[in-house]
């Protein structure tokens, strides 16, 4: 269980993770720890239209953004405008955008596509 279960959903309940949303892993525990990378995955929370600016900058820089949209209903007019803005950005850079359930958007730059099929299915 980890980031992918968080993104795609898990079939089994999560066990004690210390109450936080994300668990920080010690880089010393990972062999061949990653140094400098060409693409970074950013975690964002969309609370208002202003948050789109940072997401837009990350996508233009060639990075991936996983955005938490739990503060908004998917039928909320603000969320509709935000989604339209993000779709426009992905069109401009040739990127991709998907909504995962009602709580997350995944946005990628032009060099990365998002599969609409879960692995193993």
PDB file of N, CA and C in Angstrom:
ATOM      1  N   UNK A   1       0.835  -1.187   0.000  1.00  0.00           N
ATOM      2  CA  UNK A   1       0.000   0.000   0.000  1.00  0.00           C
ATOM      3  C   UNK A   1       0.871   1.237   0.000  1.00  0.00           C
ATOM      4  N   UNK A   2       0.462   2.229  -0.726  1.00  0.00           N
ATOM      5  CA  UNK A   2       1.243   3.445  -0.784  1.00  0.00           C
ATOM      6  C   UNK A   2       0.597   4.457  -1.693  1.00  0.00           C
ATOM      7  N   UNK A   3       1.439   5.182  -2.383  1.00  0.00           N
ATOM      8  CA  UNK A   3       0.955   6.250  -3.253  1.00  0.00           C
ATOM      9  C   UNK A   3      -0.005   5.724  -4.307  1.00  0.00           C
ATOM     10  N   UNK A   4       0.332   4.603  -4.929  1.00  0.00           N
ATOM     11  CA  UNK A   4      -0.535   4.083  -5.990  1.00  0.00           C
ATOM     12  C   UNK A   4      -1.893   3.644  -5.434  1.00  0.00           C
ATOM     13  N   UNK A   5      -1.910   3.040  -4.231  1.00  0.00           N
ATOM     14  CA  UNK A   5      -3.196   2.696  -3.623  1.00  0.00           C
ATOM     15  C   UNK A   5      -3.995   3.960  -3.345  1.00  0.00           C
ATOM     16  N   UNK A   6      -3.300   5.005  -2.934  1.00  0.00           N
ATOM     17  CA  UNK A   6      -3.961   6.282  -2.694  1.00  0.00           C
ATOM     18  C   UNK A   6      -4.543   6.835  -3.985  1.00  0.00           C
ATOM     19  N   UNK A   7      -3.801   6.699  -5.080  1.00  0.00           N
ATOM     20  CA  UNK A   7      -4.260   7.214  -6.368  1.00  0.00           C
ATOM     21  C   UNK A   7      -5.373   6.373  -6.966  1.00  0.00           C
ATOM     22  N   UNK A   8      -5.186   5.058  -6.947  1.00  0.00           N
ATOM     23  CA  UNK A   8      -6.109   4.170  -7.642  1.00  0.00           C
ATOM     24  C   UNK A   8      -7.124   3.507  -6.722  1.00  0.00           C
ATOM     25  N   UNK A   9      -6.932   3.629  -5.433  1.00  0.00           N
ATOM     26  CA  UNK A   9      -7.832   2.990  -4.488  1.00  0.00           C
ATOM     27  C   UNK A   9      -7.315   1.623  -4.107  1.00  0.00           C
ATOM     28  N   UNK A  10      -7.597   1.228  -2.919  1.00  0.00           N
ATOM     29  CA  UNK A  10      -7.132  -0.052  -2.415  1.00  0.00           C
ATOM     30  C   UNK A  10      -8.320  -0.939  -2.126  1.00  0.00           C
ATOM     31  N   UNK A  11      -8.118  -2.226  -2.272  1.00  0.00           N
ATOM     32  CA  UNK A  11      -9.192  -3.175  -1.966  1.00  0.00           C
ATOM     33  C   UNK A  11      -9.249  -3.490  -0.483  1.00  0.00           C
ATOM     34  N   UNK A  12      -8.180  -3.197   0.226  1.00  0.00           N
ATOM     35  CA  UNK A  12      -8.152  -3.470   1.654  1.00  0.00           C
ATOM     36  C   UNK A  12      -7.969  -2.171   2.420  1.00  0.00           C
ATOM     37  N   UNK A  13      -8.482  -2.114   3.655  1.00  0.00           N
ATOM     38  CA  UNK A  13      -8.373  -0.877   4.422  1.00  0.00           C
ATOM     39  C   UNK A  13      -6.925  -0.590   4.805  1.00  0.00           C
ATOM     40  N   UNK A  14      -6.599   0.682   4.923  1.00  0.00           N
ATOM     41  CA  UNK A  14      -5.253   1.075   5.344  1.00  0.00           C
ATOM     42  C   UNK A  14      -5.087   0.832   6.822  1.00  0.00           C
ATOM     43  N   UNK A  15      -3.930   0.355   7.188  1.00  0.00           N
ATOM     44  CA  UNK A  15      -3.608   0.164   8.599  1.00  0.00           C
ATOM     45  C   UNK A  15      -2.839   1.376   9.074  1.00  0.00           C
ATOM     46  N   UNK A  16      -2.771   1.564  10.378  1.00  0.00           N
ATOM     47  CA  UNK A  16      -2.156   2.718  11.018  1.00  0.00           C
ATOM     48  C   UNK A  16      -0.992   3.344  10.281  1.00  0.00           C
ATOM     49  N   UNK A  17      -1.176   4.554   9.835  1.00  0.00           N
ATOM     50  CA  UNK A  17      -0.110   5.275   9.149  1.00  0.00           C
ATOM     51  C   UNK A  17       0.291   6.511   9.942  1.00  0.00           C
ATOM     52  N   UNK A  18      -0.076   6.529  11.205  1.00  0.00           N
ATOM     53  CA  UNK A  18       0.316   7.667  12.011  1.00  0.00           C
ATOM     54  C   UNK A  18      -0.604   8.863  11.864  1.00  0.00           C
ATOM     55  N   UNK A  19      -1.746   8.698  11.202  1.00  0.00           N
ATOM     56  CA  UNK A  19      -2.727   9.758  11.122  1.00  0.00           C
ATOM     57  C   UNK A  19      -2.511  10.761  10.006  1.00  0.00           C
ATOM     58  N   UNK A  20      -1.351  10.753   9.357  1.00  0.00           N
ATOM     59  CA  UNK A  20      -1.096  11.708   8.284  1.00  0.00           C
ATOM     60  C   UNK A  20      -1.591  11.194   6.951  1.00  0.00           C
ATOM     61  N   UNK A  21      -1.695  12.105   5.994  1.00  0.00           N
ATOM     62  CA  UNK A  21      -2.120  11.718   4.653  1.00  0.00           C
ATOM     63  C   UNK A  21      -1.033  10.966   3.921  1.00  0.00           C
ATOM     64  N   UNK A  22       0.222  11.389   4.118  1.00  0.00           N
ATOM     65  CA  UNK A  22       1.343  10.783   3.419  1.00  0.00           C
ATOM     66  C   UNK A  22       2.371  10.341   4.439  1.00  0.00           C
ATOM     67  N   UNK A  23       3.053   9.271   4.134  1.00  0.00           N
ATOM     68  CA  UNK A  23       4.091   8.758   5.012  1.00  0.00           C
ATOM     69  C   UNK A  23       5.427   9.066   4.359  1.00  0.00           C
ATOM     70  N   UNK A  24       6.287   9.761   5.070  1.00  0.00           N
ATOM     71  CA  UNK A  24       7.611  10.091   4.558  1.00  0.00           C
ATOM     72  C   UNK A  24       8.506   8.874   4.708  1.00  0.00           C
ATOM     73  N   UNK A  25       9.143   8.482   3.624  1.00  0.00           N
ATOM     74  CA  UNK A  25      10.064   7.360   3.653  1.00  0.00           C
ATOM     75  C   UNK A  25      11.480   7.889   3.782  1.00  0.00           C
ATOM     76  N   UNK A  26      12.291   7.195   4.568  1.00  0.00           N
ATOM     77  CA  UNK A  26      13.680   7.586   4.753  1.00  0.00           C
ATOM     78  C   UNK A  26      14.470   7.210   3.509  1.00  0.00           C
ATOM     79  N   UNK A  27      15.079   8.183   2.845  1.00  0.00           N
ATOM     80  CA  UNK A  27      15.833   7.932   1.613  1.00  0.00           C
ATOM     81  C   UNK A  27      16.983   6.970   1.844  1.00  0.00           C
ATOM     82  N   UNK A  28      17.503   6.894   3.080  1.00  0.00           N
ATOM     83  CA  UNK A  28      18.589   5.963   3.378  1.00  0.00           C
ATOM     84  C   UNK A  28      18.135   4.518   3.275  1.00  0.00           C
ATOM     85  N   UNK A  29      16.825   4.279   3.417  1.00  0.00           N
ATOM     86  CA  UNK A  29      16.285   2.924   3.329  1.00  0.00           C
ATOM     87  C   UNK A  29      16.103   2.469   1.891  1.00  0.00           C
ATOM     88  N   UNK A  30      16.233   3.380   0.941  1.00  0.00           N
ATOM     89  CA  UNK A  30      16.018   3.067  -0.468  1.00  0.00           C
ATOM     90  C   UNK A  30      17.371   3.002  -1.166  1.00  0.00           C
ATOM     91  N   UNK A  31      17.663   1.837  -1.754  1.00  0.00           N
ATOM     92  CA  UNK A  31      18.928   1.702  -2.478  1.00  0.00           C
ATOM     93  C   UNK A  31      18.897   2.583  -3.722  1.00  0.00           C
ATOM     94  N   UNK A  32      20.041   3.149  -4.066  1.00  0.00           N
ATOM     95  CA  UNK A  32      20.130   3.955  -5.282  1.00  0.00           C
ATOM     96  C   UNK A  32      19.207   5.152  -5.251  1.00  0.00           C
ATOM     97  N   UNK A  33      19.130   5.810  -4.131  1.00  0.00           N
ATOM     98  CA  UNK A  33      18.264   6.973  -3.963  1.00  0.00           C
ATOM     99  C   UNK A  33      18.415   7.942  -5.140  1.00  0.00           C
ATOM    100  N   UNK A  34      17.303   8.484  -5.585  1.00  0.00           N
ATOM    101  CA  UNK A  34      17.269   9.346  -6.765  1.00  0.00           C
ATOM    102  C   UNK A  34      17.945  10.677  -6.463  1.00  0.00           C
ATOM    103  N   UNK A  35      18.799  11.095  -7.366  1.00  0.00           N
ATOM    104  CA  UNK A  35      19.445  12.403  -7.257  1.00  0.00           C
ATOM    105  C   UNK A  35      18.618  13.420  -8.012  1.00  0.00           C
ATOM    106  N   UNK A  36      19.239  14.104  -8.945  1.00  0.00           N
ATOM    107  CA  UNK A  36      18.533  15.092  -9.756  1.00  0.00           C
ATOM    108  C   UNK A  36      17.705  14.380 -10.824  1.00  0.00           C
ATOM    109  N   UNK A  37      16.479  14.845 -11.037  1.00  0.00           N
ATOM    110  CA  UNK A  37      15.584  14.207 -12.000  1.00  0.00           C
ATOM    111  C   UNK A  37      15.101  15.223 -13.028  1.00  0.00           C
ATOM    112  N   UNK A  38      14.642  14.699 -14.157  1.00  0.00           N
ATOM    113  CA  UNK A  38      14.101  15.566 -15.201  1.00  0.00           C
ATOM    114  C   UNK A  38      12.658  15.949 -14.907  1.00  0.00           C
ATOM    115  N   UNK A  39      11.924  15.051 -14.249  1.00  0.00           N
ATOM    116  CA  UNK A  39      10.510  15.279 -13.949  1.00  0.00           C
ATOM    117  C   UNK A  39      10.276  15.089 -12.460  1.00  0.00           C
ATOM    118  N   UNK A  40       9.493  15.978 -11.885  1.00  0.00           N
ATOM    119  CA  UNK A  40       9.141  15.895 -10.474  1.00  0.00           C
ATOM    120  C   UNK A  40       7.637  15.722 -10.356  1.00  0.00           C
ATOM    121  N   UNK A  41       7.198  14.925  -9.377  1.00  0.00           N
ATOM    122  CA  UNK A  41       5.775  14.776  -9.079  1.00  0.00           C
ATOM    123  C   UNK A  41       5.462  15.706  -7.913  1.00  0.00           C
ATOM    124  N   UNK A  42       4.519  16.622  -8.136  1.00  0.00           N
ATOM    125  CA  UNK A  42       4.109  17.574  -7.106  1.00  0.00           C
ATOM    126  C   UNK A  42       2.741  17.178  -6.565  1.00  0.00           C
ATOM    127  N   UNK A  43       2.552  17.343  -5.275  1.00  0.00           N
ATOM    128  CA  UNK A  43       1.260  17.142  -4.629  1.00  0.00           C
ATOM    129  C   UNK A  43       0.701  18.533  -4.342  1.00  0.00           C
ATOM    130  N   UNK A  44      -0.529  18.778  -4.757  1.00  0.00           N
ATOM    131  CA  UNK A  44      -1.137  20.096  -4.570  1.00  0.00           C
ATOM    132  C   UNK A  44      -2.533  19.944  -3.986  1.00  0.00           C
ATOM    133  N   UNK A  45      -3.006  21.007  -3.408  1.00  0.00           N
ATOM    134  CA  UNK A  45      -4.375  21.077  -2.926  1.00  0.00           C
ATOM    135  C   UNK A  45      -5.017  22.280  -3.606  1.00  0.00           C
ATOM    136  N   UNK A  46      -6.170  22.060  -4.207  1.00  0.00           N
ATOM    137  CA  UNK A  46      -6.856  23.160  -4.885  1.00  0.00           C
ATOM    138  C   UNK A  46      -7.965  23.672  -3.971  1.00  0.00           C
ATOM    139  N   UNK A  47      -7.725  24.858  -3.429  1.00  0.00           N
ATOM    140  CA  UNK A  47      -8.713  25.491  -2.566  1.00  0.00           C
ATOM    141  C   UNK A  47      -9.422  26.630  -3.286  1.00  0.00           C
ATOM    142  N   UNK A  48      -8.728  27.244  -4.258  1.00  0.00           N
ATOM    143  CA  UNK A  48      -9.315  28.365  -4.997  1.00  0.00           C
ATOM    144  C   UNK A  48      -8.664  28.465  -6.374  1.00  0.00           C
ATOM    145  N   UNK A  49      -9.162  29.385  -7.171  1.00  0.00           N
ATOM    146  CA  UNK A  49      -8.638  29.613  -8.515  1.00  0.00           C
ATOM    147  C   UNK A  49      -7.156  29.990  -8.480  1.00  0.00           C
ATOM    148  N   UNK A  50      -6.707  30.643  -7.403  1.00  0.00           N
ATOM    149  CA  UNK A  50      -5.301  31.057  -7.280  1.00  0.00           C
ATOM    150  C   UNK A  50      -4.344  29.872  -7.307  1.00  0.00           C
ATOM    151  N   UNK A  51      -4.789  28.708  -6.827  1.00  0.00           N
ATOM    152  CA  UNK A  51      -3.922  27.531  -6.773  1.00  0.00           C
ATOM    153  C   UNK A  51      -3.564  27.011  -8.162  1.00  0.00           C
ATOM    154  N   UNK A  52      -4.332  27.392  -9.164  1.00  0.00           N
ATOM    155  CA  UNK A  52      -4.080  26.948 -10.536  1.00  0.00           C
ATOM    156  C   UNK A  52      -2.748  27.506 -11.051  1.00  0.00           C
ATOM    157  N   UNK A  53      -2.339  28.669 -10.574  1.00  0.00           N
ATOM    158  CA  UNK A  53      -1.101  29.300 -11.049  1.00  0.00           C
ATOM    159  C   UNK A  53       0.106  28.408 -10.782  1.00  0.00           C
ATOM    160  N   UNK A  54       0.236  27.902  -9.557  1.00  0.00           N
ATOM    161  CA  UNK A  54       1.369  27.029  -9.227  1.00  0.00           C
ATOM    162  C   UNK A  54       1.319  25.729 -10.021  1.00  0.00           C
ATOM    163  N   UNK A  55       0.121  25.192 -10.207  1.00  0.00           N
ATOM    164  CA  UNK A  55      -0.033  23.957 -10.983  1.00  0.00           C
ATOM    165  C   UNK A  55       0.362  24.214 -12.430  1.00  0.00           C
ATOM    166  N   UNK A  56      -0.099  25.331 -12.968  1.00  0.00           N
ATOM    167  CA  UNK A  56       0.220  25.711 -14.349  1.00  0.00           C
ATOM    168  C   UNK A  56       1.737  25.812 -14.529  1.00  0.00           C
ATOM    169  N   UNK A  57       2.414  26.468 -13.589  1.00  0.00           N
ATOM    170  CA  UNK A  57       3.868  26.614 -13.672  1.00  0.00           C
ATOM    171  C   UNK A  57       4.572  25.262 -13.644  1.00  0.00           C
ATOM    172  N   UNK A  58       4.109  24.359 -12.795  1.00  0.00           N
ATOM    173  CA  UNK A  58       4.720  23.028 -12.706  1.00  0.00           C
ATOM    174  C   UNK A  58       4.551  22.267 -14.019  1.00  0.00           C
ATOM    175  N   UNK A  59       3.372  22.342 -14.613  1.00  0.00           N
ATOM    176  CA  UNK A  59       3.115  21.639 -15.876  1.00  0.00           C
ATOM    177  C   UNK A  59       3.965  22.241 -16.994  1.00  0.00           C
ATOM    178  N   UNK A  60       4.055  23.569 -17.060  1.00  0.00           N
ATOM    179  CA  UNK A  60       4.905  24.216 -18.066  1.00  0.00           C
ATOM    180  C   UNK A  60       6.376  23.823 -17.883  1.00  0.00           C
ATOM    181  N   UNK A  61       6.775  23.543 -16.635  1.00  0.00           N
ATOM    182  CA  UNK A  61       8.155  23.117 -16.350  1.00  0.00           C
ATOM    183  C   UNK A  61       8.385  21.642 -16.669  1.00  0.00           C
ATOM    184  N   UNK A  62       7.320  20.920 -17.082  1.00  0.00           N
ATOM    185  CA  UNK A  62       7.466  19.512 -17.437  1.00  0.00           C
ATOM    186  C   UNK A  62       7.255  18.556 -16.280  1.00  0.00           C
ATOM    187  N   UNK A  63       6.630  19.023 -15.210  1.00  0.00           N
ATOM    188  CA  UNK A  63       6.403  18.187 -14.034  1.00  0.00           C
ATOM    189  C   UNK A  63       4.979  17.646 -13.995  1.00  0.00           C
ATOM    190  N   UNK A  64       4.760  16.685 -13.108  1.00  0.00           N
ATOM    191  CA  UNK A  64       3.457  16.049 -12.908  1.00  0.00           C
ATOM    192  C   UNK A  64       2.845  16.615 -11.635  1.00  0.00           C
ATOM    193  N   UNK A  65       1.526  16.826 -11.639  1.00  0.00           N
ATOM    194  CA  UNK A  65       0.840  17.326 -10.448  1.00  0.00           C
ATOM    195  C   UNK A  65      -0.317  16.397 -10.103  1.00  0.00           C
ATOM    196  N   UNK A  66      -0.375  16.005  -8.832  1.00  0.00           N
ATOM    197  CA  UNK A  66      -1.515  15.271  -8.290  1.00  0.00           C
ATOM    198  C   UNK A  66      -2.202  16.250  -7.340  1.00  0.00           C
ATOM    199  N   UNK A  67      -3.399  16.676  -7.704  1.00  0.00           N
ATOM    200  CA  UNK A  67      -4.084  17.739  -6.971  1.00  0.00           C
ATOM    201  C   UNK A  67      -5.284  17.203  -6.205  1.00  0.00           C
ATOM    202  N   UNK A  68      -5.335  17.541  -4.933  1.00  0.00           N
ATOM    203  CA  UNK A  68      -6.448  17.178  -4.059  1.00  0.00           C
ATOM    204  C   UNK A  68      -7.561  18.202  -4.267  1.00  0.00           C
ATOM    205  N   UNK A  69      -8.742  17.717  -4.646  1.00  0.00           N
ATOM    206  CA  UNK A  69      -9.874  18.620  -4.891  1.00  0.00           C
ATOM    207  C   UNK A  69     -11.027  18.329  -3.933  1.00  0.00           C
ATOM    208  N   UNK A  70     -10.742  17.719  -2.785  1.00  0.00           N
ATOM    209  CA  UNK A  70     -11.810  17.323  -1.868  1.00  0.00           C
ATOM    210  C   UNK A  70     -12.599  18.503  -1.316  1.00  0.00           C
ATOM    211  N   UNK A  71     -12.055  19.693  -1.348  1.00  0.00           N
ATOM    212  CA  UNK A  71     -12.782  20.866  -0.835  1.00  0.00           C
ATOM    213  C   UNK A  71     -13.882  21.324  -1.779  1.00  0.00           C
ATOM    214  N   UNK A  72     -13.916  20.759  -2.977  1.00  0.00           N
ATOM    215  CA  UNK A  72     -14.898  21.177  -3.972  1.00  0.00           C
ATOM    216  C   UNK A  72     -15.751  20.006  -4.416  1.00  0.00           C
ATOM    217  N   UNK A  73     -16.995  20.292  -4.702  1.00  0.00           N
ATOM    218  CA  UNK A  73     -17.865  19.322  -5.357  1.00  0.00           C
ATOM    219  C   UNK A  73     -17.523  19.366  -6.836  1.00  0.00           C
ATOM    220  N   UNK A  74     -17.601  18.221  -7.509  1.00  0.00           N
ATOM    221  CA  UNK A  74     -17.275  18.211  -8.937  1.00  0.00           C
ATOM    222  C   UNK A  74     -18.294  18.994  -9.755  1.00  0.00           C
ATOM    223  N   UNK A  75     -19.447  19.333  -9.162  1.00  0.00           N
ATOM    224  CA  UNK A  75     -20.446  20.140  -9.863  1.00  0.00           C
ATOM    225  C   UNK A  75     -20.367  21.613  -9.460  1.00  0.00           C
ATOM    226  N   UNK A  76     -19.467  21.950  -8.566  1.00  0.00           N
ATOM    227  CA  UNK A  76     -19.225  23.311  -8.109  1.00  0.00           C
ATOM    228  C   UNK A  76     -18.741  24.161  -9.296  1.00  0.00           C
ATOM    229  N   UNK A  77     -19.311  25.359  -9.485  1.00  0.00           N
ATOM    230  CA  UNK A  77     -18.928  26.214 -10.616  1.00  0.00           C
ATOM    231  C   UNK A  77     -17.452  26.599 -10.573  1.00  0.00           C
ATOM    232  N   UNK A  78     -16.923  26.844  -9.376  1.00  0.00           N
ATOM    233  CA  UNK A  78     -15.504  27.165  -9.253  1.00  0.00           C
ATOM    234  C   UNK A  78     -14.660  25.999  -9.740  1.00  0.00           C
ATOM    235  N   UNK A  79     -15.043  24.789  -9.347  1.00  0.00           N
ATOM    236  CA  UNK A  79     -14.291  23.604  -9.764  1.00  0.00           C
ATOM    237  C   UNK A  79     -14.392  23.400 -11.268  1.00  0.00           C
ATOM    238  N   UNK A  80     -15.538  23.709 -11.838  1.00  0.00           N
ATOM    239  CA  UNK A  80     -15.697  23.598 -13.293  1.00  0.00           C
ATOM    240  C   UNK A  80     -14.741  24.549 -14.010  1.00  0.00           C
ATOM    241  N   UNK A  81     -14.620  25.796 -13.517  1.00  0.00           N
ATOM    242  CA  UNK A  81     -13.692  26.762 -14.119  1.00  0.00           C
ATOM    243  C   UNK A  81     -12.246  26.306 -13.956  1.00  0.00           C
ATOM    244  N   UNK A  82     -11.923  25.807 -12.771  1.00  0.00           N
ATOM    245  CA  UNK A  82     -10.562  25.324 -12.514  1.00  0.00           C
ATOM    246  C   UNK A  82     -10.233  24.169 -13.451  1.00  0.00           C
ATOM    247  N   UNK A  83     -11.152  23.233 -13.590  1.00  0.00           N
ATOM    248  CA  UNK A  83     -10.936  22.083 -14.467  1.00  0.00           C
ATOM    249  C   UNK A  83     -10.772  22.535 -15.910  1.00  0.00           C
ATOM    250  N   UNK A  84     -11.590  23.486 -16.344  1.00  0.00           N
ATOM    251  CA  UNK A  84     -11.462  24.011 -17.712  1.00  0.00           C
ATOM    252  C   UNK A  84     -10.098  24.664 -17.927  1.00  0.00           C
ATOM    253  N   UNK A  85      -9.631  25.436 -16.938  1.00  0.00           N
ATOM    254  CA  UNK A  85      -8.311  26.067 -17.037  1.00  0.00           C
ATOM    255  C   UNK A  85      -7.210  25.017 -17.152  1.00  0.00           C
ATOM    256  N   UNK A  86      -7.299  23.977 -16.330  1.00  0.00           N
ATOM    257  CA  UNK A  86      -6.278  22.933 -16.349  1.00  0.00           C
ATOM    258  C   UNK A  86      -6.332  22.128 -17.646  1.00  0.00           C
ATOM    259  N   UNK A  87      -7.536  21.906 -18.174  1.00  0.00           N
ATOM    260  CA  UNK A  87      -7.656  21.216 -19.464  1.00  0.00           C
ATOM    261  C   UNK A  87      -7.031  22.053 -20.577  1.00  0.00           C
ATOM    262  N   UNK A  88      -7.221  23.361 -20.518  1.00  0.00           N
ATOM    263  CA  UNK A  88      -6.631  24.255 -21.521  1.00  0.00           C
ATOM    264  C   UNK A  88      -5.104  24.190 -21.463  1.00  0.00           C
ATOM    265  N   UNK A  89      -4.561  24.174 -20.257  1.00  0.00           N
ATOM    266  CA  UNK A  89      -3.110  24.078 -20.086  1.00  0.00           C
ATOM    267  C   UNK A  89      -2.587  22.775 -20.684  1.00  0.00           C
ATOM    268  N   UNK A  90      -3.275  21.671 -20.399  1.00  0.00           N
ATOM    269  CA  UNK A  90      -2.798  20.384 -20.926  1.00  0.00           C
ATOM    270  C   UNK A  90      -2.883  20.355 -22.451  1.00  0.00           C
ATOM    271  N   UNK A  91      -3.892  21.009 -23.019  1.00  0.00           N
ATOM    272  CA  UNK A  91      -3.965  21.098 -24.490  1.00  0.00           C
ATOM    273  C   UNK A  91      -2.785  21.905 -25.037  1.00  0.00           C
ATOM    274  N   UNK A  92      -2.457  23.004 -24.370  1.00  0.00           N
ATOM    275  CA  UNK A  92      -1.352  23.863 -24.818  1.00  0.00           C
ATOM    276  C   UNK A  92      -0.025  23.114 -24.854  1.00  0.00           C
ATOM    277  N   UNK A  93       0.224  22.279 -23.844  1.00  0.00           N
ATOM    278  CA  UNK A  93       1.514  21.586 -23.751  1.00  0.00           C
ATOM    279  C   UNK A  93       1.445  20.167 -24.299  1.00  0.00           C
ATOM    280  N   UNK A  94       0.261  19.742 -24.766  1.00  0.00           N
ATOM    281  CA  UNK A  94       0.107  18.375 -25.265  1.00  0.00           C
ATOM    282  C   UNK A  94       0.104  17.358 -24.145  1.00  0.00           C
ATOM    283  N   UNK A  95      -0.306  17.790 -22.956  1.00  0.00           N
ATOM    284  CA  UNK A  95      -0.296  16.926 -21.778  1.00  0.00           C
ATOM    285  C   UNK A  95      -1.573  16.126 -21.623  1.00  0.00           C
ATOM    286  N   UNK A  96      -1.812  15.673 -20.412  1.00  0.00           N
ATOM    287  CA  UNK A  96      -2.958  14.821 -20.120  1.00  0.00           C
ATOM    288  C   UNK A  96      -3.514  15.197 -18.753  1.00  0.00           C
ATOM    289  N   UNK A  97      -4.811  14.973 -18.568  1.00  0.00           N
ATOM    290  CA  UNK A  97      -5.456  15.246 -17.286  1.00  0.00           C
ATOM    291  C   UNK A  97      -6.558  14.224 -17.076  1.00  0.00           C
ATOM    292  N   UNK A  98      -6.633  13.683 -15.860  1.00  0.00           N
ATOM    293  CA  UNK A  98      -7.724  12.782 -15.497  1.00  0.00           C
ATOM    294  C   UNK A  98      -8.189  13.125 -14.088  1.00  0.00           C
ATOM    295  N   UNK A  99      -9.453  12.817 -13.850  1.00  0.00           N
ATOM    296  CA  UNK A  99      -9.975  12.957 -12.498  1.00  0.00           C
ATOM    297  C   UNK A  99     -10.095  11.569 -11.915  1.00  0.00           C
ATOM    298  N   UNK A 100      -9.507  11.369 -10.748  1.00  0.00           N
ATOM    299  CA  UNK A 100      -9.554  10.092 -10.048  1.00  0.00           C
ATOM    300  C   UNK A 100     -10.591  10.221  -8.940  1.00  0.00           C
ATOM    301  N   UNK A 101     -11.686   9.489  -9.090  1.00  0.00           N
ATOM    302  CA  UNK A 101     -12.808   9.563  -8.146  1.00  0.00           C
ATOM    303  C   UNK A 101     -13.271  11.017  -8.041  1.00  0.00           C
ATOM    304  N   UNK A 102     -13.719  11.424  -6.862  1.00  0.00           N
ATOM    305  CA  UNK A 102     -14.185  12.799  -6.678  1.00  0.00           C
ATOM    306  C   UNK A 102     -13.165  13.656  -5.948  1.00  0.00           C
ATOM    307  N   UNK A 103     -11.961  13.101  -5.718  1.00  0.00           N
ATOM    308  CA  UNK A 103     -11.053  13.824  -4.842  1.00  0.00           C
ATOM    309  C   UNK A 103      -9.693  14.188  -5.420  1.00  0.00           C
ATOM    310  N   UNK A 104      -9.362  13.732  -6.631  1.00  0.00           N
ATOM    311  CA  UNK A 104      -8.036  14.039  -7.159  1.00  0.00           C
ATOM    312  C   UNK A 104      -8.052  14.296  -8.661  1.00  0.00           C
ATOM    313  N   UNK A 105      -7.185  15.220  -9.073  1.00  0.00           N
ATOM    314  CA  UNK A 105      -6.887  15.428 -10.485  1.00  0.00           C
ATOM    315  C   UNK A 105      -5.417  15.078 -10.677  1.00  0.00           C
ATOM    316  N   UNK A 106      -5.117  14.401 -11.775  1.00  0.00           N
ATOM    317  CA  UNK A 106      -3.734  14.105 -12.121  1.00  0.00           C
ATOM    318  C   UNK A 106      -3.470  14.816 -13.440  1.00  0.00           C
ATOM    319  N   UNK A 107      -2.450  15.674 -13.448  1.00  0.00           N
ATOM    320  CA  UNK A 107      -2.153  16.491 -14.613  1.00  0.00           C
ATOM    321  C   UNK A 107      -0.703  16.241 -15.009  1.00  0.00           C
ATOM    322  N   UNK A 108      -0.467  15.984 -16.312  1.00  0.00           N
ATOM    323  CA  UNK A 108       0.885  15.693 -16.779  1.00  0.00           C
ATOM    324  C   UNK A 108       1.276  16.607 -17.939  1.00  0.00           C
ATOM    325  N   UNK A 109       2.585  16.774 -18.140  1.00  0.00           N
ATOM    326  CA  UNK A 109       3.065  17.549 -19.288  1.00  0.00           C
ATOM    327  C   UNK A 109       2.999  16.717 -20.563  1.00  0.00           C
ATOM    328  N   UNK A 110       3.430  17.305 -21.665  1.00  0.00           N
ATOM    329  CA  UNK A 110       3.324  16.670 -22.971  1.00  0.00           C
ATOM    330  C   UNK A 110       4.089  15.378 -23.144  1.00  0.00           C
ATOM    331  N   UNK A 111       5.098  15.154 -22.359  1.00  0.00           N
ATOM    332  CA  UNK A 111       5.911  13.951 -22.531  1.00  0.00           C
ATOM    333  C   UNK A 111       5.352  12.739 -21.804  1.00  0.00           C
ATOM    334  N   UNK A 112       4.255  12.919 -21.058  1.00  0.00           N
ATOM    335  CA  UNK A 112       3.730  11.833 -20.227  1.00  0.00           C
ATOM    336  C   UNK A 112       2.225  11.709 -20.421  1.00  0.00           C
ATOM    337  N   UNK A 113       1.767  10.483 -20.694  1.00  0.00           N
ATOM    338  CA  UNK A 113       0.341  10.207 -20.812  1.00  0.00           C
ATOM    339  C   UNK A 113      -0.137   9.453 -19.586  1.00  0.00           C
ATOM    340  N   UNK A 114      -1.440   9.437 -19.379  1.00  0.00           N
ATOM    341  CA  UNK A 114      -2.036   8.735 -18.245  1.00  0.00           C
ATOM    342  C   UNK A 114      -2.913   7.620 -18.785  1.00  0.00           C
ATOM    343  N   UNK A 115      -2.639   6.400 -18.377  1.00  0.00           N
ATOM    344  CA  UNK A 115      -3.453   5.262 -18.785  1.00  0.00           C
ATOM    345  C   UNK A 115      -4.794   5.335 -18.068  1.00  0.00           C
ATOM    346  N   UNK A 116      -5.835   4.993 -18.767  1.00  0.00           N
ATOM    347  CA  UNK A 116      -7.172   4.969 -18.163  1.00  0.00           C
ATOM    348  C   UNK A 116      -7.508   3.580 -17.625  1.00  0.00           C
ATOM    349  N   UNK A 117      -6.545   2.666 -17.635  1.00  0.00           N
ATOM    350  CA  UNK A 117      -6.757   1.298 -17.174  1.00  0.00           C
ATOM    351  C   UNK A 117      -5.834   1.007 -15.997  1.00  0.00           C
ATOM    352  N   UNK A 118      -6.388   0.421 -14.935  1.00  0.00           N
ATOM    353  CA  UNK A 118      -5.570   0.027 -13.796  1.00  0.00           C
ATOM    354  C   UNK A 118      -4.652  -1.115 -14.210  1.00  0.00           C
ATOM    355  N   UNK A 119      -3.455  -1.126 -13.667  1.00  0.00           N
ATOM    356  CA  UNK A 119      -2.529  -2.223 -13.934  1.00  0.00           C
ATOM    357  C   UNK A 119      -3.140  -3.535 -13.453  1.00  0.00           C
ATOM    358  N   UNK A 120      -2.961  -4.578 -14.223  1.00  0.00           N
ATOM    359  CA  UNK A 120      -3.474  -5.889 -13.842  1.00  0.00           C
ATOM    360  C   UNK A 120      -4.925  -6.114 -14.217  1.00  0.00           C
ATOM    361  N   UNK A 121      -5.561  -5.144 -14.876  1.00  0.00           N
ATOM    362  CA  UNK A 121      -6.973  -5.296 -15.255  1.00  0.00           C
ATOM    363  C   UNK A 121      -7.120  -5.291 -16.749  1.00  0.00           C
TER     364      UNK A 121
END
